[in-house]
Amino acid sequence: MSTARDIMTPDVTCVRSEESAVDAARRMVERDVGALPVLGPDGRVRGMLTDRDIVVRVVAEGRDPAACTAGELIRGELLTVGADDSLALVLELMADRRVRRVPVVDGSVLVGIIAQADVARRLPDGTVGDLVSDVSRAT
């Protein structure tokens, strides 16, 4: 295994930017995932929406989840990796940016996602431990 494509999960469930937080939460429950890539009207990845984003930015603020769109809830700079990027680069980016999941694109098309769980299932324990430690370190 040497590229992002080798360890990514290829069947990615997404949410469109105009869909509601309720739609996103239901999709997360159906697929038993904690995050979804958010696609813009052009079908390109615009960000990642996590279950925590919904709790912190909708529920805790007393907002109506049916009135909040996935697009307005994404924040921060989007990190993606190319399908043919090296695993070393992917792990370095995840550690440096402290992200647990990263969308994988081929050109501008979403083709998969790499989560810490993918790393844990497919790479040696030492590599997994290093990534988890780096992503979880305090700032």
N, C-alpha and C. Protein backbone atom coordinates (compact mmCIF):
# COMPACT_ATOMS: atom_id res chain seq x y z
N MET A 1 0.84 -1.18 0.00
CA MET A 1 0.00 0.00 0.00
C MET A 1 0.88 1.23 0.00
N SER A 2 0.66 2.07 -1.01
CA SER A 2 1.53 3.23 -1.09
C SER A 2 0.81 4.53 -1.41
N THR A 3 -0.47 4.48 -1.75
CA THR A 3 -1.19 5.71 -2.09
C THR A 3 -2.48 5.83 -1.28
N ALA A 4 -3.05 7.01 -1.32
CA ALA A 4 -4.33 7.25 -0.65
C ALA A 4 -5.39 6.28 -1.14
N ARG A 5 -5.38 6.01 -2.43
CA ARG A 5 -6.37 5.12 -3.03
C ARG A 5 -6.32 3.71 -2.39
N ASP A 6 -5.13 3.32 -1.94
CA ASP A 6 -4.95 1.98 -1.38
C ASP A 6 -5.64 1.79 -0.04
N ILE A 7 -5.83 2.85 0.72
CA ILE A 7 -6.46 2.67 2.05
C ILE A 7 -7.79 3.40 2.21
N MET A 8 -8.18 4.20 1.22
CA MET A 8 -9.42 4.97 1.36
C MET A 8 -10.64 4.06 1.36
N THR A 9 -11.71 4.56 1.93
CA THR A 9 -13.03 3.94 1.81
C THR A 9 -13.67 4.58 0.59
N PRO A 10 -13.98 3.79 -0.44
CA PRO A 10 -14.44 4.39 -1.69
C PRO A 10 -15.92 4.78 -1.73
N ASP A 11 -16.75 4.15 -0.94
CA ASP A 11 -18.19 4.42 -1.00
C ASP A 11 -18.53 5.51 0.02
N VAL A 12 -18.48 6.76 -0.42
CA VAL A 12 -18.66 7.88 0.51
C VAL A 12 -20.08 8.42 0.44
N THR A 13 -20.70 8.51 1.59
CA THR A 13 -22.00 9.14 1.70
C THR A 13 -21.76 10.63 1.93
N CYS A 14 -22.48 11.46 1.21
CA CYS A 14 -22.29 12.91 1.29
C CYS A 14 -23.61 13.59 1.63
N VAL A 15 -23.51 14.87 1.90
CA VAL A 15 -24.67 15.73 2.07
C VAL A 15 -24.45 16.94 1.16
N ARG A 16 -25.49 17.42 0.56
CA ARG A 16 -25.38 18.61 -0.29
C ARG A 16 -25.47 19.86 0.59
N SER A 17 -24.80 20.91 0.15
CA SER A 17 -24.72 22.13 0.96
C SER A 17 -26.08 22.73 1.28
N GLU A 18 -27.07 22.51 0.44
CA GLU A 18 -28.40 23.09 0.67
C GLU A 18 -29.30 22.21 1.54
N GLU A 19 -28.84 21.00 1.86
CA GLU A 19 -29.63 20.13 2.73
C GLU A 19 -29.51 20.59 4.18
N SER A 20 -30.50 20.23 4.98
CA SER A 20 -30.56 20.70 6.36
C SER A 20 -29.67 19.88 7.29
N ALA A 21 -29.46 20.43 8.47
CA ALA A 21 -28.73 19.71 9.51
C ALA A 21 -29.47 18.43 9.89
N VAL A 22 -30.79 18.46 9.83
CA VAL A 22 -31.59 17.26 10.11
C VAL A 22 -31.28 16.18 9.07
N ASP A 23 -31.25 16.57 7.80
CA ASP A 23 -30.92 15.61 6.74
C ASP A 23 -29.54 14.99 6.98
N ALA A 24 -28.59 15.84 7.31
CA ALA A 24 -27.22 15.37 7.55
C ALA A 24 -27.17 14.42 8.75
N ALA A 25 -27.83 14.79 9.83
CA ALA A 25 -27.83 13.95 11.04
C ALA A 25 -28.47 12.59 10.75
N ARG A 26 -29.57 12.59 10.03
CA ARG A 26 -30.23 11.32 9.69
C ARG A 26 -29.32 10.44 8.83
N ARG A 27 -28.64 11.06 7.90
CA ARG A 27 -27.73 10.30 7.04
C ARG A 27 -26.58 9.71 7.86
N MET A 28 -26.08 10.49 8.83
CA MET A 28 -25.01 9.99 9.71
C MET A 28 -25.50 8.77 10.50
N VAL A 29 -26.72 8.83 11.01
CA VAL A 29 -27.28 7.72 11.77
C VAL A 29 -27.45 6.50 10.86
N GLU A 30 -28.02 6.71 9.68
CA GLU A 30 -28.25 5.60 8.74
C GLU A 30 -26.95 4.89 8.37
N ARG A 31 -25.88 5.66 8.18
CA ARG A 31 -24.61 5.08 7.74
C ARG A 31 -23.65 4.80 8.90
N ASP A 32 -24.05 5.16 10.12
CA ASP A 32 -23.22 4.97 11.31
C ASP A 32 -21.86 5.63 11.14
N VAL A 33 -21.89 6.90 10.75
CA VAL A 33 -20.67 7.70 10.59
C VAL A 33 -20.79 8.98 11.39
N GLY A 34 -19.67 9.59 11.70
CA GLY A 34 -19.66 10.82 12.48
C GLY A 34 -19.36 12.06 11.67
N ALA A 35 -19.17 11.90 10.37
CA ALA A 35 -18.87 13.05 9.52
C ALA A 35 -19.27 12.75 8.08
N LEU A 36 -19.63 13.81 7.37
CA LEU A 36 -19.98 13.68 5.96
C LEU A 36 -19.31 14.79 5.16
N PRO A 37 -18.80 14.47 3.98
CA PRO A 37 -18.35 15.54 3.09
C PRO A 37 -19.57 16.34 2.63
N VAL A 38 -19.40 17.64 2.51
CA VAL A 38 -20.47 18.52 2.03
C VAL A 38 -20.14 18.90 0.60
N LEU A 39 -21.08 18.64 -0.31
CA LEU A 39 -20.89 18.95 -1.72
C LEU A 39 -21.62 20.24 -2.07
N GLY A 40 -20.94 21.09 -2.83
CA GLY A 40 -21.56 22.31 -3.32
C GLY A 40 -22.48 22.01 -4.50
N PRO A 41 -23.16 23.03 -5.02
CA PRO A 41 -24.06 22.84 -6.15
C PRO A 41 -23.37 22.25 -7.39
N ASP A 42 -22.06 22.47 -7.49
CA ASP A 42 -21.30 21.94 -8.62
C ASP A 42 -20.83 20.51 -8.41
N GLY A 43 -21.17 19.90 -7.26
CA GLY A 43 -20.78 18.53 -6.97
C GLY A 43 -19.39 18.39 -6.38
N ARG A 44 -18.70 19.50 -6.17
CA ARG A 44 -17.35 19.45 -5.59
C ARG A 44 -17.43 19.53 -4.07
N VAL A 45 -16.44 18.92 -3.43
CA VAL A 45 -16.39 18.94 -1.96
C VAL A 45 -16.12 20.36 -1.49
N ARG A 46 -16.95 20.84 -0.58
CA ARG A 46 -16.80 22.19 -0.02
C ARG A 46 -16.34 22.18 1.43
N GLY A 47 -16.52 21.04 2.10
CA GLY A 47 -16.13 20.96 3.50
C GLY A 47 -16.56 19.63 4.10
N MET A 48 -16.30 19.52 5.39
CA MET A 48 -16.70 18.34 6.16
C MET A 48 -17.64 18.80 7.27
N LEU A 49 -18.70 18.05 7.49
CA LEU A 49 -19.65 18.33 8.56
C LEU A 49 -19.62 17.16 9.52
N THR A 50 -19.39 17.45 10.81
CA THR A 50 -19.33 16.40 11.81
C THR A 50 -20.56 16.43 12.71
N ASP A 51 -20.76 15.31 13.40
CA ASP A 51 -21.85 15.27 14.37
C ASP A 51 -21.62 16.32 15.45
N ARG A 52 -20.38 16.57 15.78
CA ARG A 52 -20.05 17.59 16.78
C ARG A 52 -20.42 18.98 16.28
N ASP A 53 -20.20 19.26 14.99
CA ASP A 53 -20.61 20.55 14.42
C ASP A 53 -22.11 20.77 14.63
N ILE A 54 -22.90 19.73 14.40
CA ILE A 54 -24.35 19.86 14.55
C ILE A 54 -24.72 20.13 16.01
N VAL A 55 -24.08 19.43 16.92
CA VAL A 55 -24.38 19.63 18.35
C VAL A 55 -23.95 21.03 18.80
N VAL A 56 -22.72 21.42 18.48
CA VAL A 56 -22.17 22.68 18.98
C VAL A 56 -22.76 23.89 18.26
N ARG A 57 -22.96 23.80 16.96
CA ARG A 57 -23.36 24.98 16.19
C ARG A 57 -24.85 25.06 15.92
N VAL A 58 -25.59 24.02 16.28
CA VAL A 58 -27.05 24.06 16.08
C VAL A 58 -27.75 23.83 17.42
N VAL A 59 -27.61 22.66 17.96
CA VAL A 59 -28.35 22.30 19.17
C VAL A 59 -27.98 23.21 20.35
N ALA A 60 -26.70 23.36 20.63
CA ALA A 60 -26.27 24.15 21.79
C ALA A 60 -26.63 25.63 21.65
N GLU A 61 -26.75 26.09 20.41
CA GLU A 61 -27.12 27.49 20.20
C GLU A 61 -28.63 27.68 20.09
N GLY A 62 -29.40 26.60 20.21
CA GLY A 62 -30.85 26.69 20.17
C GLY A 62 -31.40 27.00 18.80
N ARG A 63 -30.64 26.68 17.76
CA ARG A 63 -31.10 26.94 16.40
C ARG A 63 -32.01 25.82 15.91
N ASP A 64 -32.81 26.10 14.93
CA ASP A 64 -33.71 25.11 14.34
C ASP A 64 -32.91 24.27 13.35
N PRO A 65 -32.68 22.98 13.65
CA PRO A 65 -31.87 22.15 12.75
C PRO A 65 -32.47 21.97 11.37
N ALA A 66 -33.78 22.13 11.26
CA ALA A 66 -34.42 22.02 9.94
C ALA A 66 -34.16 23.26 9.09
N ALA A 67 -33.81 24.38 9.75
CA ALA A 67 -33.59 25.63 9.04
C ALA A 67 -32.11 25.91 8.76
N CYS A 68 -31.22 25.13 9.35
CA CYS A 68 -29.77 25.31 9.14
C CYS A 68 -29.32 24.38 8.02
N THR A 69 -28.57 24.93 7.08
CA THR A 69 -28.08 24.09 6.00
C THR A 69 -26.68 23.56 6.30
N ALA A 70 -26.36 22.46 5.70
CA ALA A 70 -25.03 21.87 5.85
C ALA A 70 -23.97 22.87 5.40
N GLY A 71 -24.25 23.59 4.35
CA GLY A 71 -23.28 24.55 3.81
C GLY A 71 -22.94 25.66 4.79
N GLU A 72 -23.90 26.11 5.57
CA GLU A 72 -23.61 27.19 6.52
C GLU A 72 -22.93 26.67 7.78
N LEU A 73 -22.91 25.37 7.98
CA LEU A 73 -22.30 24.80 9.17
C LEU A 73 -20.84 24.41 8.99
N ILE A 74 -20.40 24.26 7.75
CA ILE A 74 -18.99 23.91 7.56
C ILE A 74 -18.13 25.11 7.89
N ARG A 75 -16.94 24.82 8.39
CA ARG A 75 -16.04 25.91 8.78
C ARG A 75 -14.61 25.49 8.53
N GLY A 76 -13.74 26.45 8.56
CA GLY A 76 -12.32 26.17 8.40
C GLY A 76 -11.94 25.86 6.96
N GLU A 77 -10.66 25.70 6.78
CA GLU A 77 -10.13 25.40 5.45
C GLU A 77 -10.27 23.91 5.16
N LEU A 78 -10.75 23.60 3.98
CA LEU A 78 -10.93 22.21 3.59
C LEU A 78 -9.59 21.59 3.20
N LEU A 79 -9.32 20.43 3.76
CA LEU A 79 -8.15 19.65 3.38
C LEU A 79 -8.62 18.46 2.58
N THR A 80 -8.09 18.29 1.39
CA THR A 80 -8.32 17.09 0.60
C THR A 80 -6.96 16.54 0.20
N VAL A 81 -6.95 15.27 -0.17
CA VAL A 81 -5.74 14.66 -0.72
C VAL A 81 -6.10 14.04 -2.05
N GLY A 82 -5.10 13.92 -2.90
CA GLY A 82 -5.30 13.27 -4.19
C GLY A 82 -5.27 11.76 -4.04
N ALA A 83 -6.02 11.08 -4.88
CA ALA A 83 -6.09 9.62 -4.83
C ALA A 83 -4.72 8.97 -5.01
N ASP A 84 -3.85 9.62 -5.75
CA ASP A 84 -2.53 9.05 -6.00
C ASP A 84 -1.43 9.65 -5.12
N ASP A 85 -1.83 10.46 -4.13
CA ASP A 85 -0.85 10.99 -3.18
C ASP A 85 -0.30 9.84 -2.34
N SER A 86 0.95 9.99 -1.93
CA SER A 86 1.58 8.94 -1.13
C SER A 86 0.95 8.87 0.26
N LEU A 87 0.97 7.67 0.84
CA LEU A 87 0.47 7.51 2.21
C LEU A 87 1.26 8.37 3.18
N ALA A 88 2.56 8.48 2.94
CA ALA A 88 3.39 9.31 3.82
C ALA A 88 2.88 10.74 3.83
N LEU A 89 2.55 11.28 2.66
CA LEU A 89 2.03 12.64 2.58
C LEU A 89 0.67 12.74 3.27
N VAL A 90 -0.20 11.78 3.03
CA VAL A 90 -1.54 11.79 3.64
C VAL A 90 -1.42 11.81 5.16
N LEU A 91 -0.60 10.92 5.71
CA LEU A 91 -0.44 10.85 7.16
C LEU A 91 0.18 12.12 7.73
N GLU A 92 1.14 12.68 7.00
CA GLU A 92 1.76 13.93 7.43
C GLU A 92 0.74 15.06 7.47
N LEU A 93 -0.09 15.16 6.43
CA LEU A 93 -1.10 16.22 6.38
C LEU A 93 -2.14 16.04 7.49
N MET A 94 -2.59 14.81 7.71
CA MET A 94 -3.57 14.57 8.76
C MET A 94 -2.99 14.93 10.13
N ALA A 95 -1.74 14.57 10.35
CA ALA A 95 -1.10 14.88 11.64
C ALA A 95 -0.88 16.38 11.79
N ASP A 96 -0.33 17.03 10.75
CA ASP A 96 -0.04 18.46 10.83
C ASP A 96 -1.30 19.29 11.01
N ARG A 97 -2.38 18.93 10.31
CA ARG A 97 -3.62 19.68 10.38
C ARG A 97 -4.54 19.20 11.50
N ARG A 98 -4.13 18.07 12.13
CA ARG A 98 -4.89 17.49 13.23
C ARG A 98 -6.33 17.17 12.82
N VAL A 99 -6.46 16.44 11.69
CA VAL A 99 -7.77 16.02 11.21
C VAL A 99 -7.88 14.50 11.28
N ARG A 100 -9.06 14.05 11.61
CA ARG A 100 -9.32 12.62 11.76
C ARG A 100 -9.83 11.98 10.46
N ARG A 101 -10.30 12.82 9.54
CA ARG A 101 -10.84 12.33 8.28
C ARG A 101 -10.45 13.29 7.17
N VAL A 102 -10.16 12.74 6.00
CA VAL A 102 -9.81 13.60 4.87
C VAL A 102 -10.44 13.05 3.58
N PRO A 103 -11.16 13.90 2.85
CA PRO A 103 -11.72 13.46 1.57
C PRO A 103 -10.60 13.22 0.56
N VAL A 104 -10.82 12.22 -0.30
CA VAL A 104 -9.87 11.88 -1.35
C VAL A 104 -10.50 12.24 -2.69
N VAL A 105 -9.77 13.02 -3.47
CA VAL A 105 -10.29 13.46 -4.76
C VAL A 105 -9.39 12.98 -5.90
N ASP A 106 -10.00 12.80 -7.04
CA ASP A 106 -9.28 12.50 -8.27
C ASP A 106 -9.63 13.65 -9.20
N GLY A 107 -8.70 14.59 -9.37
CA GLY A 107 -9.03 15.85 -10.02
C GLY A 107 -9.89 16.64 -9.07
N SER A 108 -11.14 16.89 -9.46
CA SER A 108 -12.07 17.59 -8.56
C SER A 108 -13.21 16.68 -8.12
N VAL A 109 -13.12 15.40 -8.44
CA VAL A 109 -14.19 14.44 -8.13
C VAL A 109 -13.87 13.69 -6.84
N LEU A 110 -14.82 13.68 -5.92
CA LEU A 110 -14.68 12.92 -4.68
C LEU A 110 -14.72 11.43 -5.00
N VAL A 111 -13.67 10.71 -4.60
CA VAL A 111 -13.61 9.27 -4.89
C VAL A 111 -13.52 8.43 -3.62
N GLY A 112 -13.32 9.06 -2.47
CA GLY A 112 -13.21 8.29 -1.24
C GLY A 112 -12.96 9.18 -0.05
N ILE A 113 -12.74 8.54 1.07
CA ILE A 113 -12.41 9.25 2.30
C ILE A 113 -11.44 8.37 3.10
N ILE A 114 -10.52 9.02 3.78
CA ILE A 114 -9.62 8.30 4.68
C ILE A 114 -9.89 8.81 6.09
N ALA A 115 -10.22 7.86 6.97
CA ALA A 115 -10.44 8.18 8.37
C ALA A 115 -9.38 7.46 9.19
N GLN A 116 -9.24 7.87 10.43
CA GLN A 116 -8.30 7.19 11.32
C GLN A 116 -8.57 5.69 11.33
N ALA A 117 -9.83 5.30 11.23
CA ALA A 117 -10.17 3.87 11.24
C ALA A 117 -9.57 3.15 10.03
N ASP A 118 -9.51 3.82 8.88
CA ASP A 118 -8.89 3.21 7.70
C ASP A 118 -7.41 2.98 7.93
N VAL A 119 -6.77 3.96 8.56
CA VAL A 119 -5.35 3.85 8.88
C VAL A 119 -5.16 2.69 9.86
N ALA A 120 -6.03 2.61 10.87
CA ALA A 120 -5.92 1.57 11.89
C ALA A 120 -6.10 0.17 11.30
N ARG A 121 -6.99 0.04 10.34
CA ARG A 121 -7.25 -1.28 9.75
C ARG A 121 -6.15 -1.74 8.80
N ARG A 122 -5.44 -0.79 8.18
CA ARG A 122 -4.57 -1.18 7.08
C ARG A 122 -3.07 -0.93 7.27
N LEU A 123 -2.71 -0.23 8.34
CA LEU A 123 -1.29 0.09 8.52
C LEU A 123 -0.78 -0.47 9.85
N PRO A 124 0.55 -0.57 10.00
CA PRO A 124 1.12 -1.12 11.24
C PRO A 124 0.76 -0.31 12.47
N ASP A 125 0.71 -0.99 13.62
CA ASP A 125 0.31 -0.36 14.88
C ASP A 125 1.10 0.91 15.20
N GLY A 126 2.40 0.91 14.97
CA GLY A 126 3.22 2.09 15.28
C GLY A 126 2.79 3.31 14.49
N THR A 127 2.46 3.12 13.23
CA THR A 127 1.99 4.21 12.37
C THR A 127 0.67 4.74 12.89
N VAL A 128 -0.21 3.84 13.26
CA VAL A 128 -1.52 4.22 13.79
C VAL A 128 -1.36 5.02 15.07
N GLY A 129 -0.53 4.52 15.98
CA GLY A 129 -0.30 5.21 17.24
C GLY A 129 0.26 6.60 17.05
N ASP A 130 1.19 6.73 16.12
CA ASP A 130 1.78 8.05 15.84
C ASP A 130 0.71 9.01 15.33
N LEU A 131 -0.13 8.55 14.40
CA LEU A 131 -1.16 9.42 13.85
C LEU A 131 -2.15 9.84 14.93
N VAL A 132 -2.65 8.90 15.70
CA VAL A 132 -3.61 9.22 16.74
C VAL A 132 -3.01 10.21 17.74
N SER A 133 -1.79 9.98 18.11
CA SER A 133 -1.10 10.89 19.04
C SER A 133 -0.96 12.29 18.46
N ASP A 134 -0.56 12.38 17.20
CA ASP A 134 -0.37 13.69 16.57
C ASP A 134 -1.71 14.43 16.40
N VAL A 135 -2.74 13.72 15.98
CA VAL A 135 -4.04 14.36 15.77
C VAL A 135 -4.64 14.81 17.08
N SER A 136 -4.39 14.08 18.14
CA SER A 136 -5.01 14.36 19.44
C SER A 136 -4.21 15.28 20.34
N ARG A 137 -3.00 15.66 19.92
CA ARG A 137 -2.14 16.47 20.80
C ARG A 137 -2.78 17.83 21.10
N ALA A 138 -2.49 18.31 22.27
CA ALA A 138 -3.00 19.62 22.68
C ALA A 138 -2.20 20.71 21.99
N THR A 139 -2.87 21.82 21.76
CA THR A 139 -2.18 22.95 21.10
C THR A 139 -1.58 23.88 22.10
